[in-house]
Amino acid sequence: MRQSAKGYNRVVVKIGASLLFAQDAGQDCFIYPMRELASQIAHLRREGREIAVVSSGAIAAGMRILKMKTRPRELASLQATAAVGQHLLMSQYQRFFKKRSLDCAQVLLTRDDFNIRKRYLNVKATLWQLFRSNIIPVINENDTVATEEIKFGDNDCLSAYTAELISADLLIILTDVDGLFDKEGKVIRIVPKITPAVRALACPTDKPSCVGGMVTKIDAARISTDAGIPCLIANGKKKNIIISSLRNPQLYGTFFPRRGARCR
């Protein structure tokens, strides 16, 4: 499947904590990657595209502020760490978007916001209004209130559900690796169908401030493609990766063509 860049007018970009926060780096380690990514998103917004950002990093930011070396395990500690880090994360997004004459909005969600119809419609209406107002939604799981029963567990799946919610043309999941690798260590450029063999190639993360890894990215790709939305897993450290991906996503990272019927 091939789709022109002109066809990708509504895009969800998921930015992983591993991309923003290098292990053992200082509190300001996310400034350079965030600046570069914000610049690309602003460029696409000026072209008239609607971009929603799903960003991890609140817990990782809180860990830096609180000088934690490992991710908390207890729910209350995770929630408190997220509360400490969320404002720092958003203040930096606002800083870099503002330099490019854009504003951003914080949108914190739980699984109930997708499962309960009234809340689902309210979130959808809010995101549409933000697009109309030329504001970039920055979406994250509401870690400060989410319990185990209503948590997504990772922002990869949250990004896929968000893409389905707004009928996105493409989901881009940015991480710190080049995509899904085969057994020989080569990047698989196109995955026509997610099979057990494909999923077996993924491995969970061992980074202390992150959850998920390639396993949850594959799960997100399945959700997205089953909803009729193609998905790309790519290295966010590559120069102009978002802009380049929209020209031809099959050349960058691992591309998953849409499978299900697309709903509008």
Protein backbone atom coordinates (compact mmCIF):
# COMPACT_ATOMS: atom_id res chain seq x y z
CA MET A 1 0.00 0.00 0.00
CA ARG A 2 1.20 3.47 -0.85
CA GLN A 3 -0.31 6.74 0.17
CA SER A 4 0.93 10.19 -0.77
CA ALA A 5 2.03 12.73 1.82
CA LYS A 6 -0.99 14.81 0.83
CA GLY A 7 -3.17 12.01 2.16
CA TYR A 8 -1.71 12.22 5.66
CA ASN A 9 -3.53 15.30 6.82
CA ARG A 10 -4.43 14.15 10.32
CA VAL A 11 -1.59 12.47 12.19
CA VAL A 12 -1.00 11.17 15.70
CA VAL A 13 2.65 11.32 16.79
CA LYS A 14 3.56 9.27 19.84
CA ILE A 15 6.79 10.37 21.56
CA GLY A 16 8.34 7.84 23.91
CA ALA A 17 10.03 8.57 27.20
CA SER A 18 13.12 6.67 26.01
CA LEU A 19 13.42 9.24 23.24
CA LEU A 20 13.14 12.27 25.52
CA PHE A 21 15.13 10.93 28.45
CA ALA A 22 18.50 9.31 28.00
CA GLN A 23 19.47 6.97 30.81
CA ASP A 24 21.64 8.64 33.47
CA ALA A 25 21.24 12.03 31.76
CA GLY A 26 20.46 15.23 33.63
CA GLN A 27 17.12 16.89 34.23
CA ASP A 28 17.36 18.94 31.01
CA CYS A 29 18.20 15.94 28.80
CA PHE A 30 14.87 16.15 26.94
CA ILE A 31 15.36 19.72 25.70
CA TYR A 32 17.21 18.94 22.44
CA PRO A 33 14.93 16.14 21.16
CA MET A 34 11.81 18.02 22.19
CA ARG A 35 12.98 21.16 20.39
CA GLU A 36 13.63 19.23 17.18
CA LEU A 37 10.33 17.36 17.31
CA ALA A 38 8.35 20.52 18.11
CA SER A 39 9.97 22.23 15.13
CA GLN A 40 8.84 19.45 12.77
CA ILE A 41 5.30 19.41 14.20
CA ALA A 42 5.06 23.20 13.83
CA HIS A 43 6.19 22.91 10.20
CA LEU A 44 3.46 20.37 9.46
CA ARG A 45 0.87 22.48 11.26
CA ARG A 46 1.78 25.44 9.02
CA GLU A 47 1.07 23.17 6.04
CA GLY A 48 -2.46 22.78 7.36
CA ARG A 49 -2.11 19.30 8.85
CA GLU A 50 -3.78 18.39 12.13
CA ILE A 51 -1.24 16.91 14.55
CA ALA A 52 -2.00 15.33 17.91
CA VAL A 53 0.93 14.44 20.16
CA VAL A 54 0.76 11.53 22.60
CA SER A 55 3.71 12.00 24.90
CA SER A 56 5.19 9.82 27.59
CA GLY A 57 7.66 11.30 30.01
CA ALA A 58 5.79 12.57 33.08
CA ILE A 59 7.04 9.78 35.32
CA ALA A 60 10.53 9.96 33.81
CA ALA A 61 10.59 13.74 34.42
CA GLY A 62 9.40 13.23 37.98
CA MET A 63 12.13 10.65 38.53
CA ARG A 64 14.73 13.21 37.46
CA ILE A 65 13.32 15.86 39.80
CA LEU A 66 13.09 13.42 42.72
CA LYS A 67 16.50 11.90 41.87
CA MET A 68 15.12 8.36 41.54
CA LYS A 69 17.25 5.75 39.79
CA THR A 70 14.48 3.18 39.24
CA ARG A 71 10.83 3.50 38.29
CA PRO A 72 8.51 3.22 41.34
CA ARG A 73 6.46 0.03 41.59
CA GLU A 74 3.71 1.03 44.00
CA LEU A 75 0.74 2.77 42.40
CA ALA A 76 0.71 5.68 44.85
CA SER A 77 4.42 6.34 44.24
CA LEU A 78 3.90 6.22 40.46
CA GLN A 79 1.02 8.66 40.73
CA ALA A 80 2.99 11.05 42.92
CA THR A 81 6.02 10.90 40.61
CA ALA A 82 3.81 11.61 37.60
CA ALA A 83 2.26 14.58 39.41
CA VAL A 84 5.73 16.01 40.02
CA GLY A 85 6.89 15.47 36.45
CA GLN A 86 3.80 16.33 34.40
CA HIS A 87 4.06 20.10 34.84
CA LEU A 88 7.74 20.06 33.85
CA LEU A 89 6.97 18.02 30.74
CA MET A 90 4.15 20.34 29.67
CA SER A 91 6.07 23.51 30.43
CA GLN A 92 8.78 22.41 28.01
CA TYR A 93 6.27 21.55 25.27
CA GLN A 94 4.65 24.95 25.71
CA ARG A 95 8.07 26.62 25.64
CA PHE A 96 9.12 25.08 22.34
CA PHE A 97 5.76 25.39 20.60
CA LYS A 98 5.47 29.03 21.73
CA LYS A 99 8.80 29.79 20.05
CA ARG A 100 7.14 28.65 16.83
CA SER A 101 4.00 30.76 17.38
CA LEU A 102 1.90 27.82 18.52
CA ASP A 103 0.16 26.92 21.75
CA CYS A 104 -0.40 23.44 23.13
CA ALA A 105 -3.00 21.95 25.43
CA GLN A 106 -2.64 19.25 28.06
CA VAL A 107 -5.13 16.40 27.66
CA LEU A 108 -4.97 13.69 30.34
CA LEU A 109 -6.97 10.52 29.69
CA THR A 110 -7.76 7.13 31.22
CA ARG A 111 -9.26 4.02 29.65
CA ASP A 112 -12.70 5.05 30.93
CA ASP A 113 -12.56 8.07 28.61
CA PHE A 114 -12.69 5.60 25.71
CA ASN A 115 -15.01 3.01 27.27
CA ILE A 116 -17.77 5.35 28.49
CA ARG A 117 -19.65 6.75 25.51
CA LYS A 118 -20.40 10.20 26.92
CA ARG A 119 -16.79 10.75 27.96
CA TYR A 120 -15.58 9.41 24.60
CA LEU A 121 -17.68 11.97 22.73
CA ASN A 122 -16.56 14.76 25.06
CA VAL A 123 -12.89 13.98 24.44
CA LYS A 124 -13.51 13.81 20.70
CA ALA A 125 -15.26 17.20 20.71
CA THR A 126 -12.42 18.73 22.75
CA LEU A 127 -9.77 17.52 20.32
CA TRP A 128 -11.73 18.80 17.31
CA GLN A 129 -12.03 22.20 18.98
CA LEU A 130 -8.29 22.29 19.67
CA PHE A 131 -7.58 21.57 16.00
CA ARG A 132 -9.95 24.34 14.93
CA SER A 133 -8.23 26.72 17.35
CA ASN A 134 -4.77 25.90 15.92
CA ILE A 135 -3.62 24.37 19.22
CA ILE A 136 -1.52 21.20 19.48
CA PRO A 137 -3.07 18.61 21.82
CA VAL A 138 -0.43 16.95 24.00
CA ILE A 139 -2.05 13.79 25.33
CA ASN A 140 -0.86 11.59 28.16
CA GLU A 141 -2.37 8.98 30.42
CA ASN A 142 -3.70 10.55 33.61
CA ASP A 143 -1.23 8.69 35.80
CA THR A 144 -2.07 10.72 38.88
CA VAL A 145 -5.58 9.26 39.14
CA ALA A 146 -5.60 6.08 37.02
CA THR A 147 -5.95 2.84 38.95
CA GLU A 148 -4.83 -0.57 37.77
CA GLU A 149 -8.32 -1.30 36.46
CA ILE A 150 -8.44 1.72 34.15
CA LYS A 151 -4.80 2.16 33.17
CA PHE A 152 -3.61 1.67 29.61
CA GLY A 153 -0.27 0.53 30.99
CA ASP A 154 1.62 2.36 28.25
CA ASN A 155 1.12 5.29 25.89
CA ASP A 156 1.63 3.19 22.75
CA CYS A 157 -1.87 1.74 23.00
CA LEU A 158 -3.20 5.14 24.09
CA SER A 159 -1.82 6.61 20.86
CA ALA A 160 -3.58 3.91 18.80
CA TYR A 161 -6.91 4.54 20.52
CA THR A 162 -6.42 8.28 20.00
CA ALA A 163 -5.75 7.72 16.30
CA GLU A 164 -8.99 5.76 16.05
CA LEU A 165 -10.87 8.41 18.04
CA ILE A 166 -9.96 11.24 15.66
CA SER A 167 -9.96 9.10 12.48
CA ALA A 168 -6.28 9.82 11.86
CA ASP A 169 -4.66 9.15 8.50
CA LEU A 170 -1.47 7.83 10.08
CA LEU A 171 -0.06 6.87 13.48
CA ILE A 172 3.67 7.48 13.97
CA ILE A 173 5.25 5.88 17.04
CA LEU A 174 8.65 7.41 17.69
CA THR A 175 11.19 5.57 19.80
CA ASP A 176 14.98 5.32 20.12
CA VAL A 177 15.46 2.38 17.71
CA ASP A 178 15.05 2.12 13.94
CA GLY A 179 12.01 -0.15 14.01
CA LEU A 180 11.29 -3.85 14.34
CA PHE A 181 14.31 -6.06 13.65
CA ASP A 182 14.34 -9.55 12.16
CA LYS A 183 16.40 -12.39 13.59
CA GLU A 184 19.43 -11.21 11.60
CA GLY A 185 19.25 -7.75 13.11
CA LYS A 186 17.90 -6.00 10.01
CA VAL A 187 15.00 -3.57 10.11
CA ILE A 188 11.78 -5.02 8.70
CA ARG A 189 10.45 -2.27 6.43
CA ILE A 190 6.88 -3.52 5.91
CA VAL A 191 4.76 -5.85 8.04
CA PRO A 192 1.65 -6.74 5.99
CA LYS A 193 0.14 -8.73 8.85
CA ILE A 194 0.95 -9.02 12.55
CA THR A 195 1.37 -12.74 13.20
CA PRO A 196 2.62 -14.60 16.30
CA ALA A 197 5.99 -14.89 14.54
CA VAL A 198 6.15 -11.12 14.08
CA ARG A 199 5.19 -10.46 17.68
CA ALA A 200 7.85 -12.95 18.83
CA LEU A 201 10.50 -10.64 17.34
CA ALA A 202 9.55 -7.90 19.82
CA CYS A 203 11.01 -7.67 23.29
CA PRO A 204 10.00 -5.64 26.35
CA THR A 205 12.05 -2.67 27.49
CA ASP A 206 14.75 -2.84 30.14
CA LYS A 207 14.97 0.94 30.60
CA PRO A 208 14.40 1.96 34.24
CA SER A 209 12.08 4.90 33.49
CA CYS A 210 9.99 3.31 30.71
CA VAL A 211 7.36 0.65 30.19
CA GLY A 212 6.30 -1.27 27.14
CA GLY A 213 9.12 -1.59 24.64
CA MET A 214 8.55 -3.07 21.18
CA VAL A 215 5.86 -5.47 22.44
CA THR A 216 3.38 -2.68 23.19
CA LYS A 217 4.27 -0.92 19.93
CA ILE A 218 3.28 -4.04 18.03
CA ASP A 219 0.06 -4.16 20.05
CA ALA A 220 -0.61 -0.50 19.18
CA ALA A 221 0.06 -1.19 15.50
CA ARG A 222 -2.50 -4.00 15.59
CA ILE A 223 -5.14 -1.72 17.16
CA SER A 224 -4.41 1.02 14.65
CA THR A 225 -4.31 -1.10 11.51
CA ASP A 226 -7.43 -3.05 12.50
CA ALA A 227 -9.16 0.34 12.70
CA GLY A 228 -8.04 1.14 9.16
CA ILE A 229 -5.16 3.42 10.15
CA PRO A 230 -1.60 2.65 8.98
CA CYS A 231 1.14 2.78 11.60
CA LEU A 232 4.86 3.53 11.46
CA ILE A 233 7.39 2.70 14.17
CA ALA A 234 10.48 4.86 13.62
CA ASN A 235 13.56 6.31 15.29
CA GLY A 236 12.75 9.78 16.60
CA LYS A 237 16.43 10.66 16.77
CA LYS A 238 16.71 10.69 12.98
CA LYS A 239 16.77 14.19 11.50
CA ASN A 240 13.38 15.41 10.26
CA ILE A 241 11.93 11.94 10.80
CA ILE A 242 8.30 13.09 11.09
CA ILE A 243 8.40 15.22 7.95
CA SER A 244 10.31 12.55 6.02
CA SER A 245 7.92 9.83 7.14
CA LEU A 246 4.94 11.64 5.69
CA ARG A 247 6.57 11.68 2.25
CA ASN A 248 6.87 7.89 2.19
CA PRO A 249 6.56 6.02 5.49
CA GLN A 250 7.67 2.76 3.90
CA LEU A 251 11.23 4.12 3.68
CA TYR A 252 11.60 4.87 7.40
CA GLY A 253 11.33 2.45 10.29
CA THR A 254 8.77 -0.36 10.15
CA PHE A 255 5.49 0.31 8.36
CA PHE A 256 2.23 -1.50 9.07
CA PRO A 257 -0.39 -0.98 6.30
CA ARG A 258 -4.00 -0.60 7.35
CA ARG A 259 -6.06 -3.81 7.40
CA GLY A 260 -9.50 -3.05 8.77
CA ALA A 261 -12.15 -0.82 7.25
CA ARG A 262 -11.59 2.81 8.14
CA CYS A 263 -14.41 4.56 10.00
CA ARG A 264 -15.11 8.26 9.75
